[in-house]
Amino acid sequence: MTYAKFLCCLTVSALGLCLMATGHTQQPEKTQHTAKVAARPAKAAAPAFQPGLEPRAIDVLKAACARLASARSMTFTAVVSYESPSRLGPPLVYSTRSEVTLQRPDKLKVITLGDGPPSEFYYDGKAMMAFSPTDNLVAVADAPPTIDAALKAAFDSAAIYFPFSDVIVADPYKDIADGLKVAFYIGQSRVVGDTTTDMVAYITGDVFVQIWIGAQDKLPRRVYAVYLNDRARLRHVLELSNWQLDVTIPADNFVLAKAADAAHIAFARPDASEAPGMKPPPRMKPPKTQ
């Protein structure tokens, strides 16, 4: 054995003796501490989350829906942001801004601007018109006598859809409740809509929704939605502002005065190439994947 190894062995042995001597006096203290810890009652585990319909969440949703359904007229601004897949992987975000005017049961006007060509939609209880101001094109069709029926007819015949449709139908809660599976109250926010809002999350059909509803006026301020069967889990966000309920609206607000001077095209789906009349220009179609 070399001299260096001999010194190393002595050092290790001395260190071991010191530890043994020190441990002899501290061991009882450690045992007492361990006994105290063992004697403490174990904390009860937090109850597992049970999906269901939480009464408080349902109350908030019903109050908001009742407020909307009771309004005979309304105007509001809707800003919609939605994600679209890109070739790089991360989604792109497109946004539109719509100024909405409604009078129950049979009048609706939607003026839309945003990341794409502007569009206008008019419904007066007898006819509905879709207008493209950039190209001066208008499509006109007969319409059923209620807003709900007109929205369905516009979608079925021309693929016209408004992300805020759930806000303007005659019975907003019925549309939610038909497929409602889960609903729970999250808490309050003082950030969204420059007011205090109640936050609720729910699943209806195949859509997960988080909604911010004014605690005082019961009006929705933000809606966040994800389709559960969408593998990419793309997000759709609806911001609602500038609410005015039960205001007087002139009757001519729901008729397009410029329709007579516009070129008429068929009130048909943009992808229906066999539809009679002018073919919709490419810019009127949804944005393509980048």
Foldseek 3Di string as FASTA:
>chain_A
DDPVVVVVVVVVVVVVVVVVVVCVVCVVVVVVVVVVVVPDDDDDDDDDDDFFEDVVQVVLVQLLQVLLLPFQKKWWKKKKWWWDAAPVGDTDIWIKIWIWIDGPFWWIKIWMDTDFFTWIWFTQQFKIKIAGVVQLEIAIDTFHRGPVRRQVVLCVFAVDHDPCVLSNDNGNVCQQVVFWGGKDWDAWDCPFPNAIWTWMWTDGDQKTKIWTAHPPSSHTAKIWIFGNPDPSRIIMMMGMDPMDTRDDDDSCPRPDPSNVVGHYAHSGYQPPPVGDGDRDDPRVDPDDHD
